[in-house]
N, C-alpha and C. Protein backbone atom coordinates (compact mmCIF):
# COMPACT_ATOMS: atom_id res chain seq x y z
N MET A 1 74.84 144.98 104.11
CA MET A 1 73.81 144.94 105.12
C MET A 1 73.45 143.49 105.45
N LYS A 2 73.36 142.67 104.40
CA LYS A 2 73.00 141.26 104.59
C LYS A 2 74.02 140.57 105.50
N TYR A 3 75.30 140.85 105.29
CA TYR A 3 76.34 140.23 106.10
C TYR A 3 76.30 140.71 107.55
N LEU A 4 75.93 141.96 107.75
CA LEU A 4 75.81 142.50 109.09
C LEU A 4 74.69 141.79 109.86
N VAL A 5 73.58 141.52 109.21
CA VAL A 5 72.47 140.81 109.85
C VAL A 5 72.90 139.39 110.20
N VAL A 6 73.58 138.71 109.31
CA VAL A 6 74.06 137.35 109.59
C VAL A 6 75.04 137.35 110.76
N LEU A 7 75.93 138.33 110.79
CA LEU A 7 76.88 138.43 111.88
C LEU A 7 76.17 138.66 113.21
N MET A 8 75.19 139.54 113.23
CA MET A 8 74.45 139.82 114.46
C MET A 8 73.68 138.59 114.94
N LEU A 9 73.06 137.86 114.03
CA LEU A 9 72.35 136.64 114.41
C LEU A 9 73.31 135.58 114.94
N SER A 10 74.48 135.49 114.35
CA SER A 10 75.49 134.54 114.82
C SER A 10 75.94 134.88 116.23
N LEU A 11 76.13 136.17 116.50
CA LEU A 11 76.54 136.59 117.84
C LEU A 11 75.47 136.29 118.88
N LEU A 12 74.21 136.44 118.52
CA LEU A 12 73.13 136.14 119.45
C LEU A 12 73.09 134.65 119.80
N ALA A 13 73.45 133.81 118.87
CA ALA A 13 73.43 132.37 119.09
C ALA A 13 74.71 131.87 119.76
N CYS A 14 75.70 132.71 119.85
CA CYS A 14 77.01 132.33 120.37
C CYS A 14 76.94 131.98 121.85
N SER A 15 77.69 130.96 122.27
CA SER A 15 77.71 130.56 123.68
C SER A 15 78.53 131.50 124.55
N ALA A 16 79.16 132.51 123.95
CA ALA A 16 79.94 133.46 124.74
C ALA A 16 79.07 134.23 125.72
N TRP A 17 77.78 134.24 125.51
CA TRP A 17 76.86 134.94 126.41
C TRP A 17 76.66 134.13 127.69
N GLY A 18 77.13 132.95 127.75
CA GLY A 18 77.00 132.10 128.93
C GLY A 18 76.78 130.66 128.53
N ALA A 19 77.34 129.79 129.32
CA ALA A 19 77.15 128.37 129.09
C ALA A 19 75.83 127.95 129.72
N THR A 20 75.37 126.76 129.38
CA THR A 20 74.09 126.28 129.88
C THR A 20 74.23 124.87 130.44
N CYS A 21 73.63 124.65 131.60
CA CYS A 21 73.49 123.31 132.16
C CYS A 21 72.00 122.99 132.22
N THR A 22 71.67 121.77 131.87
CA THR A 22 70.30 121.30 132.00
C THR A 22 70.24 120.35 133.18
N VAL A 23 69.30 120.61 134.08
CA VAL A 23 69.12 119.79 135.27
C VAL A 23 67.75 119.12 135.16
N THR A 24 67.74 117.79 135.16
CA THR A 24 66.51 117.03 135.06
C THR A 24 66.29 116.29 136.37
N GLU A 25 65.07 116.35 136.88
CA GLU A 25 64.74 115.75 138.17
C GLU A 25 63.95 114.45 137.98
N PHE A 26 64.28 113.45 138.81
CA PHE A 26 63.62 112.16 138.75
C PHE A 26 63.20 111.71 140.14
N VAL A 27 62.09 110.97 140.22
CA VAL A 27 61.65 110.39 141.49
C VAL A 27 62.55 109.21 141.82
N ARG A 28 62.85 108.40 140.82
CA ARG A 28 63.70 107.23 141.06
C ARG A 28 64.49 106.91 139.79
N LEU A 29 65.53 106.12 139.98
CA LEU A 29 66.30 105.59 138.87
C LEU A 29 66.01 104.09 138.79
N PRO A 30 65.98 103.51 137.60
CA PRO A 30 65.68 102.08 137.48
C PRO A 30 66.82 101.22 138.00
N GLN A 31 66.49 99.95 138.27
CA GLN A 31 67.48 98.98 138.74
C GLN A 31 67.52 97.81 137.77
N ASP A 32 68.69 97.17 137.69
CA ASP A 32 68.80 95.95 136.89
C ASP A 32 68.27 94.78 137.72
N PRO A 33 68.18 93.57 137.14
CA PRO A 33 67.63 92.43 137.89
C PRO A 33 68.41 92.11 139.17
N GLY A 34 69.66 92.52 139.25
CA GLY A 34 70.46 92.28 140.46
C GLY A 34 70.28 93.36 141.52
N GLY A 35 69.45 94.37 141.24
CA GLY A 35 69.20 95.43 142.20
C GLY A 35 70.16 96.61 142.10
N ASN A 36 71.04 96.60 141.11
CA ASN A 36 71.98 97.72 140.93
C ASN A 36 71.28 98.89 140.26
N VAL A 37 71.45 100.08 140.81
CA VAL A 37 70.84 101.28 140.24
C VAL A 37 71.55 101.63 138.94
N LEU A 38 70.76 101.92 137.91
CA LEU A 38 71.29 102.26 136.60
C LEU A 38 71.29 103.77 136.42
N ASP A 39 72.30 104.28 135.72
CA ASP A 39 72.39 105.72 135.43
C ASP A 39 71.48 106.05 134.25
N LEU A 40 70.19 105.84 134.45
CA LEU A 40 69.19 106.12 133.44
C LEU A 40 68.01 106.78 134.13
N GLY A 41 67.52 107.84 133.57
CA GLY A 41 66.36 108.49 134.15
C GLY A 41 65.09 107.73 133.80
N THR A 42 64.14 107.69 134.73
CA THR A 42 62.84 107.08 134.49
C THR A 42 61.91 108.15 133.94
N LEU A 43 61.45 107.94 132.71
CA LEU A 43 60.61 108.94 132.05
C LEU A 43 59.14 108.74 132.38
N PRO A 44 58.38 109.78 132.45
CA PRO A 44 58.78 111.16 132.26
C PRO A 44 59.46 111.71 133.52
N PRO A 45 60.33 112.69 133.35
CA PRO A 45 60.97 113.28 134.52
C PRO A 45 59.96 114.13 135.30
N VAL A 46 60.31 114.43 136.54
CA VAL A 46 59.47 115.31 137.36
C VAL A 46 59.53 116.72 136.80
N ALA A 47 60.72 117.18 136.46
CA ALA A 47 60.91 118.54 135.94
C ALA A 47 62.26 118.62 135.25
N SER A 48 62.43 119.66 134.47
CA SER A 48 63.71 119.93 133.82
C SER A 48 63.86 121.44 133.72
N GLN A 49 65.07 121.92 133.98
CA GLN A 49 65.32 123.36 133.87
C GLN A 49 66.71 123.60 133.30
N ARG A 50 66.84 124.72 132.62
CA ARG A 50 68.13 125.13 132.05
C ARG A 50 68.64 126.31 132.84
N VAL A 51 69.91 126.26 133.19
CA VAL A 51 70.55 127.34 133.93
C VAL A 51 71.69 127.88 133.08
N THR A 52 71.60 129.14 132.69
CA THR A 52 72.66 129.79 131.93
C THR A 52 73.54 130.55 132.92
N TYR A 53 74.84 130.38 132.82
CA TYR A 53 75.75 130.90 133.84
C TYR A 53 77.05 131.40 133.24
N THR A 54 77.68 132.32 133.90
CA THR A 54 79.09 132.66 133.79
C THR A 54 79.57 132.79 135.23
N THR A 55 79.02 133.78 135.95
CA THR A 55 79.25 133.85 137.39
C THR A 55 78.31 132.84 138.05
N SER A 56 78.42 132.62 139.35
CA SER A 56 77.59 131.65 140.03
C SER A 56 76.11 132.00 139.87
N THR A 57 75.36 131.07 139.29
CA THR A 57 73.93 131.27 139.03
C THR A 57 73.17 130.07 139.57
N GLN A 58 72.08 130.34 140.32
CA GLN A 58 71.29 129.29 140.95
C GLN A 58 70.12 128.86 140.08
N SER A 59 69.75 127.59 140.25
CA SER A 59 68.53 127.07 139.67
C SER A 59 67.36 127.46 140.58
N THR A 60 66.17 127.05 140.20
CA THR A 60 65.06 127.14 141.14
C THR A 60 65.14 125.90 142.03
N ALA A 61 64.43 125.92 143.14
CA ALA A 61 64.46 124.79 144.08
C ALA A 61 63.90 123.54 143.41
N PHE A 62 64.49 122.40 143.75
CA PHE A 62 64.01 121.13 143.21
C PHE A 62 62.67 120.76 143.84
N ASN A 63 61.90 119.99 143.11
CA ASN A 63 60.60 119.53 143.59
C ASN A 63 60.76 118.62 144.81
N ALA A 64 59.77 118.66 145.69
CA ALA A 64 59.82 117.86 146.92
C ALA A 64 59.85 116.36 146.66
N VAL A 65 59.31 115.91 145.53
CA VAL A 65 59.28 114.47 145.23
C VAL A 65 60.53 113.98 144.50
N SER A 66 61.40 114.90 144.10
CA SER A 66 62.60 114.52 143.34
C SER A 66 63.64 113.92 144.27
N ASN A 67 64.17 112.77 143.87
CA ASN A 67 65.22 112.09 144.64
C ASN A 67 66.56 112.06 143.91
N PHE A 68 66.53 112.20 142.60
CA PHE A 68 67.74 112.16 141.78
C PHE A 68 67.71 113.31 140.79
N ILE A 69 68.90 113.82 140.45
CA ILE A 69 69.01 114.80 139.38
C ILE A 69 70.04 114.32 138.37
N ARG A 70 69.84 114.74 137.14
CA ARG A 70 70.79 114.50 136.05
C ARG A 70 71.27 115.87 135.61
N ILE A 71 72.59 116.04 135.55
CA ILE A 71 73.18 117.30 135.12
C ILE A 71 73.91 117.06 133.80
N GLN A 72 73.64 117.91 132.82
CA GLN A 72 74.36 117.88 131.55
C GLN A 72 74.68 119.32 131.20
N CYS A 73 75.97 119.62 131.00
CA CYS A 73 76.41 120.99 130.71
C CYS A 73 77.08 121.05 129.34
N ASP A 74 76.86 122.14 128.62
CA ASP A 74 77.48 122.28 127.31
C ASP A 74 78.91 122.82 127.40
N ALA A 75 79.31 123.27 128.60
CA ALA A 75 80.68 123.72 128.86
C ALA A 75 81.04 123.33 130.29
N ALA A 76 82.31 123.28 130.60
CA ALA A 76 82.73 122.90 131.95
C ALA A 76 82.08 123.82 132.99
N ALA A 77 81.71 123.23 134.13
CA ALA A 77 81.05 124.01 135.18
C ALA A 77 81.39 123.47 136.55
N HIS A 78 81.65 124.37 137.48
CA HIS A 78 81.73 124.01 138.89
C HIS A 78 80.31 124.11 139.42
N PHE A 79 79.96 123.26 140.41
CA PHE A 79 78.59 123.30 140.92
C PHE A 79 78.56 123.08 142.42
N ALA A 80 77.54 123.67 143.04
CA ALA A 80 77.31 123.53 144.48
C ALA A 80 75.82 123.35 144.69
N VAL A 81 75.46 122.54 145.69
CA VAL A 81 74.06 122.27 146.01
C VAL A 81 73.81 122.70 147.44
N GLY A 82 72.66 123.33 147.67
CA GLY A 82 72.30 123.75 149.02
C GLY A 82 71.07 124.62 149.02
N ALA A 83 70.74 125.16 150.20
CA ALA A 83 69.57 126.02 150.34
C ALA A 83 69.76 127.35 149.62
N ASN A 84 70.98 127.85 149.56
CA ASN A 84 71.30 129.10 148.88
C ASN A 84 72.74 129.01 148.38
N PRO A 85 73.01 128.11 147.42
CA PRO A 85 74.39 127.81 147.05
C PRO A 85 75.05 128.88 146.19
N THR A 86 76.36 128.99 146.35
CA THR A 86 77.21 129.80 145.49
C THR A 86 78.35 128.90 145.03
N ALA A 87 78.44 128.64 143.74
CA ALA A 87 79.49 127.77 143.21
C ALA A 87 80.78 128.56 143.07
N THR A 88 81.90 127.92 143.42
CA THR A 88 83.24 128.51 143.30
C THR A 88 84.16 127.50 142.63
N VAL A 89 85.39 127.90 142.36
CA VAL A 89 86.36 127.00 141.74
C VAL A 89 86.75 125.86 142.68
N GLN A 90 86.47 125.97 143.97
CA GLN A 90 86.77 124.89 144.90
C GLN A 90 85.71 123.78 144.86
N ASP A 91 84.57 124.03 144.24
CA ASP A 91 83.49 123.05 144.18
C ASP A 91 83.74 122.03 143.07
N PRO A 92 83.03 120.88 143.13
CA PRO A 92 83.20 119.87 142.07
C PRO A 92 82.95 120.46 140.69
N ARG A 93 83.57 119.84 139.70
CA ARG A 93 83.50 120.33 138.32
C ARG A 93 83.00 119.22 137.42
N ILE A 94 82.09 119.57 136.53
CA ILE A 94 81.63 118.66 135.50
C ILE A 94 82.19 119.15 134.17
N PRO A 95 82.79 118.26 133.37
CA PRO A 95 83.35 118.71 132.09
C PRO A 95 82.26 119.04 131.08
N GLY A 96 82.59 119.89 130.14
CA GLY A 96 81.65 120.19 129.07
C GLY A 96 81.23 118.93 128.35
N GLY A 97 79.95 118.76 128.13
CA GLY A 97 79.43 117.57 127.48
C GLY A 97 79.25 116.40 128.43
N GLY A 98 79.71 116.54 129.66
CA GLY A 98 79.58 115.46 130.63
C GLY A 98 78.17 115.34 131.16
N VAL A 99 77.84 114.15 131.65
CA VAL A 99 76.54 113.88 132.25
C VAL A 99 76.79 113.20 133.59
N GLU A 100 76.14 113.70 134.62
CA GLU A 100 76.27 113.13 135.96
C GLU A 100 74.89 112.97 136.58
N TYR A 101 74.72 111.91 137.39
CA TYR A 101 73.51 111.70 138.17
C TYR A 101 73.86 111.81 139.64
N PHE A 102 72.97 112.44 140.41
CA PHE A 102 73.19 112.59 141.84
C PHE A 102 71.92 112.30 142.62
N PHE A 103 72.09 111.69 143.80
CA PHE A 103 71.00 111.47 144.74
C PHE A 103 70.84 112.74 145.56
N LEU A 104 69.62 113.17 145.77
CA LEU A 104 69.35 114.35 146.60
C LEU A 104 69.06 113.89 148.02
N SER A 105 69.92 114.24 148.96
CA SER A 105 69.72 113.83 150.35
C SER A 105 68.93 114.85 151.14
N SER A 106 68.67 116.03 150.56
CA SER A 106 67.91 117.09 151.23
C SER A 106 66.80 117.57 150.31
N ARG A 107 65.76 118.12 150.90
CA ARG A 107 64.64 118.67 150.13
C ARG A 107 64.74 120.19 150.09
N GLY A 108 64.16 120.79 149.07
CA GLY A 108 64.13 122.24 148.95
C GLY A 108 65.46 122.87 148.60
N VAL A 109 66.39 122.08 148.05
CA VAL A 109 67.70 122.63 147.69
C VAL A 109 67.71 123.09 146.24
N GLU A 110 68.74 123.85 145.92
CA GLU A 110 68.97 124.35 144.57
C GLU A 110 70.39 123.96 144.17
N ILE A 111 70.71 124.16 142.91
CA ILE A 111 72.07 123.95 142.43
C ILE A 111 72.56 125.24 141.78
N ALA A 112 73.81 125.56 141.98
CA ALA A 112 74.42 126.74 141.36
C ALA A 112 75.56 126.29 140.47
N PHE A 113 75.74 126.96 139.34
CA PHE A 113 76.80 126.66 138.40
C PHE A 113 77.68 127.89 138.21
N TYR A 114 78.97 127.65 137.95
CA TYR A 114 79.95 128.71 137.74
C TYR A 114 80.96 128.24 136.71
N ASP A 115 81.33 129.10 135.77
CA ASP A 115 82.25 128.68 134.72
C ASP A 115 83.72 128.62 135.17
N GLY A 116 84.04 129.19 136.32
CA GLY A 116 85.39 129.10 136.86
C GLY A 116 86.35 130.15 136.35
N THR A 117 85.87 131.06 135.50
CA THR A 117 86.77 132.06 134.92
C THR A 117 86.33 133.49 135.16
N SER A 118 85.09 133.72 135.49
CA SER A 118 84.56 135.09 135.63
C SER A 118 84.88 135.68 136.97
């Protein structure tokens, strides 16, 4: 019985239920003395959300004051940004463990993630 409980708890913690991307929103990114934008978030962030996905799954809309987002995924993910995005295998891909920063050129958009296999 003890082993069955351990097995069940292990399965609940398993990433097979879906991968996760964390999206952190920032008003601005810092600059070096030469004016070059640095890939560093200015703390505290405006907001942060986790999106668990297998099929295309959307985040909530980004805050109106957010100008940059940081994406970090624990597994490879295709992503799309828009008013009602659906991510497909044709969309850009971030590798598992990768971190990317993006400028938001539109307000009220969301991001969708897809694992590319479902």
